[in-house]
Amino acid sequence: MLSSEQGWARLYYNVSIVDCESKEILDELLNGLDLDRFVIARISDRSIIVDGQQKALIARTLARRGHPYRVTDLVPQTPNLS
């Protein structure tokens, strides 16, 4: 158990990050595409963490509305614990 003097860390599983060119574009996507229901956290003025299981749905929604996007998948790696 962590004492109250220690900091904390949060590790999210099965998430995706939506990173936009500007705050205005992210705000437009959240308001116009109803993406806010998938948002777990807003990590900056132009980036959000979303439910990773909704990645395909979000990509289809962006494509259907004509918003350019790029999906970037990282290769899974075993963490170096040393």
PDB file of N, CA and C in Angstrom:
ATOM      1  N   MET A   1       0.837  -1.182   0.000  1.00  0.00           N
ATOM      2  CA  MET A   1       0.000   0.000   0.000  1.00  0.00           C
ATOM      3  C   MET A   1       0.885   1.249   0.000  1.00  0.00           C
ATOM      4  N   LEU A   2       0.503   2.244  -0.765  1.00  0.00           N
ATOM      5  CA  LEU A   2       1.283   3.475  -0.855  1.00  0.00           C
ATOM      6  C   LEU A   2       0.934   4.411   0.292  1.00  0.00           C
ATOM      7  N   SER A   3       1.947   5.034   0.874  1.00  0.00           N
ATOM      8  CA  SER A   3       1.670   6.030   1.898  1.00  0.00           C
ATOM      9  C   SER A   3       1.231   7.321   1.227  1.00  0.00           C
ATOM     10  N   SER A   4       0.650   8.197   2.002  1.00  0.00           N
ATOM     11  CA  SER A   4       0.129   9.444   1.434  1.00  0.00           C
ATOM     12  C   SER A   4       1.238  10.379   0.967  1.00  0.00           C
ATOM     13  N   GLU A   5       2.494  10.171   1.427  1.00  0.00           N
ATOM     14  CA  GLU A   5       3.593  11.019   0.992  1.00  0.00           C
ATOM     15  C   GLU A   5       4.139  10.614  -0.376  1.00  0.00           C
ATOM     16  N   GLN A   6       3.848   9.404  -0.801  1.00  0.00           N
ATOM     17  CA  GLN A   6       4.372   8.932  -2.071  1.00  0.00           C
ATOM     18  C   GLN A   6       3.490   9.395  -3.222  1.00  0.00           C
ATOM     19  N   GLY A   7       4.124   9.580  -4.375  1.00  0.00           N
ATOM     20  CA  GLY A   7       3.364   9.875  -5.579  1.00  0.00           C
ATOM     21  C   GLY A   7       2.683   8.609  -6.076  1.00  0.00           C
ATOM     22  N   TRP A   8       1.940   8.719  -7.117  1.00  0.00           N
ATOM     23  CA  TRP A   8       1.242   7.556  -7.662  1.00  0.00           C
ATOM     24  C   TRP A   8       1.401   7.544  -9.165  1.00  0.00           C
ATOM     25  N   ALA A   9       1.129   6.408  -9.743  1.00  0.00           N
ATOM     26  CA  ALA A   9       1.178   6.241 -11.195  1.00  0.00           C
ATOM     27  C   ALA A   9      -0.070   5.485 -11.621  1.00  0.00           C
ATOM     28  N   ARG A  10      -0.537   5.760 -12.795  1.00  0.00           N
ATOM     29  CA  ARG A  10      -1.713   5.075 -13.334  1.00  0.00           C
ATOM     30  C   ARG A  10      -1.299   4.425 -14.644  1.00  0.00           C
ATOM     31  N   LEU A  11      -1.589   3.146 -14.795  1.00  0.00           N
ATOM     32  CA  LEU A  11      -1.286   2.398 -16.008  1.00  0.00           C
ATOM     33  C   LEU A  11      -2.603   1.995 -16.645  1.00  0.00           C
ATOM     34  N   TYR A  12      -2.832   2.453 -17.872  1.00  0.00           N
ATOM     35  CA  TYR A  12      -4.073   2.133 -18.587  1.00  0.00           C
ATOM     36  C   TYR A  12      -3.830   0.962 -19.526  1.00  0.00           C
ATOM     37  N   TYR A  13      -4.758   0.037 -19.586  1.00  0.00           N
ATOM     38  CA  TYR A  13      -4.727  -1.082 -20.521  1.00  0.00           C
ATOM     39  C   TYR A  13      -5.801  -0.881 -21.581  1.00  0.00           C
ATOM     40  N   ASN A  14      -5.550  -1.417 -22.781  1.00  0.00           N
ATOM     41  CA  ASN A  14      -6.544  -1.422 -23.860  1.00  0.00           C
ATOM     42  C   ASN A  14      -7.084  -0.030 -24.174  1.00  0.00           C
ATOM     43  N   VAL A  15      -6.178   0.898 -24.371  1.00  0.00           N
ATOM     44  CA  VAL A  15      -6.583   2.257 -24.713  1.00  0.00           C
ATOM     45  C   VAL A  15      -5.903   2.699 -26.004  1.00  0.00           C
ATOM     46  N   SER A  16      -6.425   3.746 -26.573  1.00  0.00           N
ATOM     47  CA  SER A  16      -5.821   4.397 -27.735  1.00  0.00           C
ATOM     48  C   SER A  16      -5.730   5.881 -27.432  1.00  0.00           C
ATOM     49  N   ILE A  17      -4.826   6.545 -28.107  1.00  0.00           N
ATOM     50  CA  ILE A  17      -4.678   7.993 -27.959  1.00  0.00           C
ATOM     51  C   ILE A  17      -5.104   8.652 -29.259  1.00  0.00           C
ATOM     52  N   VAL A  18      -5.941   9.656 -29.146  1.00  0.00           N
ATOM     53  CA  VAL A  18      -6.307  10.490 -30.290  1.00  0.00           C
ATOM     54  C   VAL A  18      -5.531  11.787 -30.109  1.00  0.00           C
ATOM     55  N   ASP A  19      -4.647  12.063 -31.046  1.00  0.00           N
ATOM     56  CA  ASP A  19      -3.794  13.240 -30.998  1.00  0.00           C
ATOM     57  C   ASP A  19      -4.127  14.103 -32.205  1.00  0.00           C
ATOM     58  N   CYS A  20      -4.547  15.334 -31.980  1.00  0.00           N
ATOM     59  CA  CYS A  20      -4.982  16.217 -33.060  1.00  0.00           C
ATOM     60  C   CYS A  20      -3.967  17.339 -33.286  1.00  0.00           C
ATOM     61  N   GLU A  21      -4.061  17.933 -34.450  1.00  0.00           N
ATOM     62  CA  GLU A  21      -3.148  19.017 -34.813  1.00  0.00           C
ATOM     63  C   GLU A  21      -3.346  20.247 -33.926  1.00  0.00           C
ATOM     64  N   SER A  22      -4.582  20.467 -33.476  1.00  0.00           N
ATOM     65  CA  SER A  22      -4.856  21.648 -32.661  1.00  0.00           C
ATOM     66  C   SER A  22      -5.986  21.367 -31.678  1.00  0.00           C
ATOM     67  N   LYS A  23      -6.089  22.241 -30.687  1.00  0.00           N
ATOM     68  CA  LYS A  23      -7.168  22.160 -29.701  1.00  0.00           C
ATOM     69  C   LYS A  23      -8.524  22.302 -30.381  1.00  0.00           C
ATOM     70  N   GLU A  24      -8.598  23.184 -31.354  1.00  0.00           N
ATOM     71  CA  GLU A  24      -9.864  23.429 -32.047  1.00  0.00           C
ATOM     72  C   GLU A  24     -10.353  22.185 -32.784  1.00  0.00           C
ATOM     73  N   ILE A  25      -9.439  21.456 -33.407  1.00  0.00           N
ATOM     74  CA  ILE A  25      -9.827  20.234 -34.115  1.00  0.00           C
ATOM     75  C   ILE A  25     -10.322  19.183 -33.128  1.00  0.00           C
ATOM     76  N   LEU A  26      -9.618  19.016 -32.019  1.00  0.00           N
ATOM     77  CA  LEU A  26     -10.077  18.047 -31.024  1.00  0.00           C
ATOM     78  C   LEU A  26     -11.449  18.436 -30.474  1.00  0.00           C
ATOM     79  N   ASP A  27     -11.643  19.715 -30.164  1.00  0.00           N
ATOM     80  CA  ASP A  27     -12.944  20.166 -29.670  1.00  0.00           C
ATOM     81  C   ASP A  27     -14.042  19.900 -30.697  1.00  0.00           C
ATOM     82  N   GLU A  28     -13.743  20.133 -31.971  1.00  0.00           N
ATOM     83  CA  GLU A  28     -14.714  19.867 -33.034  1.00  0.00           C
ATOM     84  C   GLU A  28     -15.060  18.381 -33.099  1.00  0.00           C
ATOM     85  N   LEU A  29     -14.054  17.523 -32.998  1.00  0.00           N
ATOM     86  CA  LEU A  29     -14.306  16.084 -33.034  1.00  0.00           C
ATOM     87  C   LEU A  29     -15.150  15.640 -31.843  1.00  0.00           C
ATOM     88  N   LEU A  30     -14.816  16.145 -30.671  1.00  0.00           N
ATOM     89  CA  LEU A  30     -15.563  15.754 -29.479  1.00  0.00           C
ATOM     90  C   LEU A  30     -17.007  16.225 -29.542  1.00  0.00           C
ATOM     91  N   ASN A  31     -17.220  17.430 -30.031  1.00  0.00           N
ATOM     92  CA  ASN A  31     -18.575  17.977 -30.089  1.00  0.00           C
ATOM     93  C   ASN A  31     -19.364  17.454 -31.280  1.00  0.00           C
ATOM     94  N   GLY A  32     -18.726  17.346 -32.427  1.00  0.00           N
ATOM     95  CA  GLY A  32     -19.443  16.989 -33.636  1.00  0.00           C
ATOM     96  C   GLY A  32     -19.609  15.500 -33.878  1.00  0.00           C
ATOM     97  N   LEU A  33     -18.724  14.686 -33.321  1.00  0.00           N
ATOM     98  CA  LEU A  33     -18.771  13.254 -33.592  1.00  0.00           C
ATOM     99  C   LEU A  33     -19.210  12.440 -32.384  1.00  0.00           C
ATOM    100  N   ASP A  34     -19.524  13.090 -31.298  1.00  0.00           N
ATOM    101  CA  ASP A  34     -19.977  12.393 -30.094  1.00  0.00           C
ATOM    102  C   ASP A  34     -18.941  11.391 -29.595  1.00  0.00           C
ATOM    103  N   LEU A  35     -17.654  11.760 -29.692  1.00  0.00           N
ATOM    104  CA  LEU A  35     -16.583  10.881 -29.224  1.00  0.00           C
ATOM    105  C   LEU A  35     -16.407  10.936 -27.714  1.00  0.00           C
ATOM    106  N   ASP A  36     -16.994  11.939 -27.068  1.00  0.00           N
ATOM    107  CA  ASP A  36     -16.787  12.092 -25.635  1.00  0.00           C
ATOM    108  C   ASP A  36     -17.236  10.875 -24.827  1.00  0.00           C
ATOM    109  N   ARG A  37     -18.119  10.061 -25.370  1.00  0.00           N
ATOM    110  CA  ARG A  37     -18.576   8.865 -24.644  1.00  0.00           C
ATOM    111  C   ARG A  37     -17.479   7.804 -24.548  1.00  0.00           C
ATOM    112  N   PHE A  38     -16.428   7.896 -25.372  1.00  0.00           N
ATOM    113  CA  PHE A  38     -15.327   6.944 -25.342  1.00  0.00           C
ATOM    114  C   PHE A  38     -14.093   7.476 -24.604  1.00  0.00           C
ATOM    115  N   VAL A  39     -14.141   8.730 -24.167  1.00  0.00           N
ATOM    116  CA  VAL A  39     -12.974   9.374 -23.566  1.00  0.00           C
ATOM    117  C   VAL A  39     -12.761   8.878 -22.137  1.00  0.00           C
ATOM    118  N   ILE A  40     -11.544   8.448 -21.867  1.00  0.00           N
ATOM    119  CA  ILE A  40     -11.147   8.045 -20.520  1.00  0.00           C
ATOM    120  C   ILE A  40     -10.498   9.226 -19.814  1.00  0.00           C
ATOM    121  N   ALA A  41      -9.657   9.976 -20.547  1.00  0.00           N
ATOM    122  CA  ALA A  41      -8.992  11.141 -19.963  1.00  0.00           C
ATOM    123  C   ALA A  41      -8.537  12.074 -21.071  1.00  0.00           C
ATOM    124  N   ARG A  42      -8.537  13.358 -20.772  1.00  0.00           N
ATOM    125  CA  ARG A  42      -7.955  14.347 -21.676  1.00  0.00           C
ATOM    126  C   ARG A  42      -6.557  14.621 -21.140  1.00  0.00           C
ATOM    127  N   ILE A  43      -5.540  14.336 -21.951  1.00  0.00           N
ATOM    128  CA  ILE A  43      -4.169  14.444 -21.456  1.00  0.00           C
ATOM    129  C   ILE A  43      -3.460  15.731 -21.876  1.00  0.00           C
ATOM    130  N   SER A  44      -4.055  16.451 -22.799  1.00  0.00           N
ATOM    131  CA  SER A  44      -3.540  17.765 -23.171  1.00  0.00           C
ATOM    132  C   SER A  44      -4.659  18.497 -23.897  1.00  0.00           C
ATOM    133  N   ASP A  45      -4.379  19.701 -24.355  1.00  0.00           N
ATOM    134  CA  ASP A  45      -5.424  20.449 -25.050  1.00  0.00           C
ATOM    135  C   ASP A  45      -5.716  19.897 -26.446  1.00  0.00           C
ATOM    136  N   ARG A  46      -4.880  18.960 -26.924  1.00  0.00           N
ATOM    137  CA  ARG A  46      -5.121  18.382 -28.243  1.00  0.00           C
ATOM    138  C   ARG A  46      -5.049  16.858 -28.277  1.00  0.00           C
ATOM    139  N   SER A  47      -5.024  16.214 -27.095  1.00  0.00           N
ATOM    140  CA  SER A  47      -4.914  14.753 -27.030  1.00  0.00           C
ATOM    141  C   SER A  47      -5.843  14.171 -25.965  1.00  0.00           C
ATOM    142  N   ILE A  48      -6.433  13.022 -26.304  1.00  0.00           N
ATOM    143  CA  ILE A  48      -7.296  12.313 -25.371  1.00  0.00           C
ATOM    144  C   ILE A  48      -6.944  10.831 -25.376  1.00  0.00           C
ATOM    145  N   ILE A  49      -7.230  10.164 -24.267  1.00  0.00           N
ATOM    146  CA  ILE A  49      -7.133   8.716 -24.181  1.00  0.00           C
ATOM    147  C   ILE A  49      -8.549   8.188 -24.333  1.00  0.00           C
ATOM    148  N   VAL A  50      -8.729   7.225 -25.243  1.00  0.00           N
ATOM    149  CA  VAL A  50     -10.053   6.651 -25.485  1.00  0.00           C
ATOM    150  C   VAL A  50     -10.020   5.141 -25.287  1.00  0.00           C
ATOM    151  N   ASP A  51     -11.183   4.557 -25.130  1.00  0.00           N
ATOM    152  CA  ASP A  51     -11.338   3.111 -25.006  1.00  0.00           C
ATOM    153  C   ASP A  51     -10.764   2.454 -26.253  1.00  0.00           C
ATOM    154  N   GLY A  52      -9.734   1.642 -26.089  1.00  0.00           N
ATOM    155  CA  GLY A  52      -9.063   1.000 -27.213  1.00  0.00           C
ATOM    156  C   GLY A  52      -9.946   0.036 -27.981  1.00  0.00           C
ATOM    157  N   GLN A  53     -10.976  -0.498 -27.333  1.00  0.00           N
ATOM    158  CA  GLN A  53     -11.883  -1.408 -28.027  1.00  0.00           C
ATOM    159  C   GLN A  53     -12.756  -0.670 -29.031  1.00  0.00           C
ATOM    160  N   GLN A  54     -12.759   0.646 -28.978  1.00  0.00           N
ATOM    161  CA  GLN A  54     -13.570   1.449 -29.894  1.00  0.00           C
ATOM    162  C   GLN A  54     -12.750   2.045 -31.031  1.00  0.00           C
ATOM    163  N   LYS A  55     -11.486   1.605 -31.177  1.00  0.00           N
ATOM    164  CA  LYS A  55     -10.592   2.185 -32.195  1.00  0.00           C
ATOM    165  C   LYS A  55     -11.178   2.067 -33.600  1.00  0.00           C
ATOM    166  N   ALA A  56     -11.697   0.916 -33.970  1.00  0.00           N
ATOM    167  CA  ALA A  56     -12.252   0.734 -35.324  1.00  0.00           C
ATOM    168  C   ALA A  56     -13.477   1.617 -35.531  1.00  0.00           C
ATOM    169  N   LEU A  57     -14.329   1.705 -34.522  1.00  0.00           N
ATOM    170  CA  LEU A  57     -15.522   2.552 -34.624  1.00  0.00           C
ATOM    171  C   LEU A  57     -15.138   4.022 -34.771  1.00  0.00           C
ATOM    172  N   ILE A  58     -14.161   4.465 -34.004  1.00  0.00           N
ATOM    173  CA  ILE A  58     -13.702   5.851 -34.095  1.00  0.00           C
ATOM    174  C   ILE A  58     -13.100   6.119 -35.470  1.00  0.00           C
ATOM    175  N   ALA A  59     -12.295   5.197 -35.989  1.00  0.00           N
ATOM    176  CA  ALA A  59     -11.700   5.368 -37.323  1.00  0.00           C
ATOM    177  C   ALA A  59     -12.782   5.433 -38.394  1.00  0.00           C
ATOM    178  N   ARG A  60     -13.790   4.563 -38.316  1.00  0.00           N
ATOM    179  CA  ARG A  60     -14.888   4.602 -39.297  1.00  0.00           C
ATOM    180  C   ARG A  60     -15.652   5.916 -39.212  1.00  0.00           C
ATOM    181  N   THR A  61     -15.867   6.394 -38.001  1.00  0.00           N
ATOM    182  CA  THR A  61     -16.580   7.662 -37.823  1.00  0.00           C
ATOM    183  C   THR A  61     -15.790   8.814 -38.423  1.00  0.00           C
ATOM    184  N   LEU A  62     -14.493   8.842 -38.184  1.00  0.00           N
ATOM    185  CA  LEU A  62     -13.656   9.897 -38.770  1.00  0.00           C
ATOM    186  C   LEU A  62     -13.684   9.828 -40.290  1.00  0.00           C
ATOM    187  N   ALA A  63     -13.562   8.632 -40.846  1.00  0.00           N
ATOM    188  CA  ALA A  63     -13.573   8.465 -42.305  1.00  0.00           C
ATOM    189  C   ALA A  63     -14.915   8.872 -42.896  1.00  0.00           C
ATOM    190  N   ARG A  64     -15.982   8.458 -42.269  1.00  0.00           N
ATOM    191  CA  ARG A  64     -17.322   8.766 -42.776  1.00  0.00           C
ATOM    192  C   ARG A  64     -17.579  10.268 -42.801  1.00  0.00           C
ATOM    193  N   ARG A  65     -17.015  10.987 -41.823  1.00  0.00           N
ATOM    194  CA  ARG A  65     -17.199  12.434 -41.751  1.00  0.00           C
ATOM    195  C   ARG A  65     -16.159  13.201 -42.555  1.00  0.00           C
ATOM    196  N   GLY A  66     -15.219  12.487 -43.194  1.00  0.00           N
ATOM    197  CA  GLY A  66     -14.219  13.143 -44.028  1.00  0.00           C
ATOM    198  C   GLY A  66     -13.052  13.751 -43.274  1.00  0.00           C
ATOM    199  N   HIS A  67     -12.856  13.362 -42.023  1.00  0.00           N
ATOM    200  CA  HIS A  67     -11.710  13.863 -41.252  1.00  0.00           C
ATOM    201  C   HIS A  67     -10.484  13.012 -41.566  1.00  0.00           C
ATOM    202  N   PRO A  68      -9.389  13.623 -41.986  1.00  0.00           N
ATOM    203  CA  PRO A  68      -8.185  12.832 -42.225  1.00  0.00           C
ATOM    204  C   PRO A  68      -7.657  12.282 -40.900  1.00  0.00           C
ATOM    205  N   TYR A  69      -7.147  11.063 -40.920  1.00  0.00           N
ATOM    206  CA  TYR A  69      -6.594  10.456 -39.720  1.00  0.00           C
ATOM    207  C   TYR A  69      -5.558   9.419 -40.109  1.00  0.00           C
ATOM    208  N   ARG A  70      -4.753   9.023 -39.140  1.00  0.00           N
ATOM    209  CA  ARG A  70      -3.762   7.975 -39.345  1.00  0.00           C
ATOM    210  C   ARG A  70      -3.755   7.113 -38.088  1.00  0.00           C
ATOM    211  N   VAL A  71      -3.825   5.806 -38.266  1.00  0.00           N
ATOM    212  CA  VAL A  71      -3.742   4.873 -37.148  1.00  0.00           C
ATOM    213  C   VAL A  71      -2.299   4.397 -37.051  1.00  0.00           C
ATOM    214  N   THR A  72      -1.715   4.555 -35.883  1.00  0.00           N
ATOM    215  CA  THR A  72      -0.344   4.129 -35.648  1.00  0.00           C
ATOM    216  C   THR A  72      -0.358   3.083 -34.546  1.00  0.00           C
ATOM    217  N   ASP A  73      -0.001   1.852 -34.881  1.00  0.00           N
ATOM    218  CA  ASP A  73       0.072   0.777 -33.902  1.00  0.00           C
ATOM    219  C   ASP A  73       1.531   0.534 -33.542  1.00  0.00           C
ATOM    220  N   LEU A  74       1.788   0.435 -32.256  1.00  0.00           N
ATOM    221  CA  LEU A  74       3.135   0.158 -31.795  1.00  0.00           C
ATOM    222  C   LEU A  74       3.307  -1.345 -31.608  1.00  0.00           C
ATOM    223  N   VAL A  75       4.520  -1.807 -31.828  1.00  0.00           N
ATOM    224  CA  VAL A  75       4.828  -3.225 -31.640  1.00  0.00           C
ATOM    225  C   VAL A  75       4.856  -3.511 -30.145  1.00  0.00           C
ATOM    226  N   PRO A  76       4.115  -4.533 -29.677  1.00  0.00           N
ATOM    227  CA  PRO A  76       4.157  -4.862 -28.248  1.00  0.00           C
ATOM    228  C   PRO A  76       5.580  -5.239 -27.821  1.00  0.00           C
ATOM    229  N   GLN A  77       5.984  -4.756 -26.665  1.00  0.00           N
ATOM    230  CA  GLN A  77       7.312  -5.043 -26.144  1.00  0.00           C
ATOM    231  C   GLN A  77       7.210  -5.457 -24.677  1.00  0.00           C
ATOM    232  N   THR A  78       8.113  -6.325 -24.271  1.00  0.00           N
ATOM    233  CA  THR A  78       8.202  -6.684 -22.870  1.00  0.00           C
ATOM    234  C   THR A  78       8.950  -5.572 -22.151  1.00  0.00           C
ATOM    235  N   PRO A  79       8.406  -5.076 -21.047  1.00  0.00           N
ATOM    236  CA  PRO A  79       9.100  -3.981 -20.346  1.00  0.00           C
ATOM    237  C   PRO A  79      10.430  -4.424 -19.766  1.00  0.00           C
ATOM    238  N   ASN A  80      11.379  -3.536 -19.787  1.00  0.00           N
ATOM    239  CA  ASN A  80      12.694  -3.772 -19.188  1.00  0.00           C
ATOM    240  C   ASN A  80      12.593  -3.366 -17.717  1.00  0.00           C
ATOM    241  N   LEU A  81      12.622  -4.326 -16.823  1.00  0.00           N
ATOM    242  CA  LEU A  81      12.430  -4.062 -15.406  1.00  0.00           C
ATOM    243  C   LEU A  81      13.727  -3.827 -14.628  1.00  0.00           C
ATOM    244  N   SER A  82      14.841  -3.715 -15.325  1.00  0.00           N
ATOM    245  CA  SER A  82      16.114  -3.522 -14.608  1.00  0.00           C
ATOM    246  C   SER A  82      16.392  -2.077 -14.312  1.00  0.00           C
TER     247      SER A  82
END
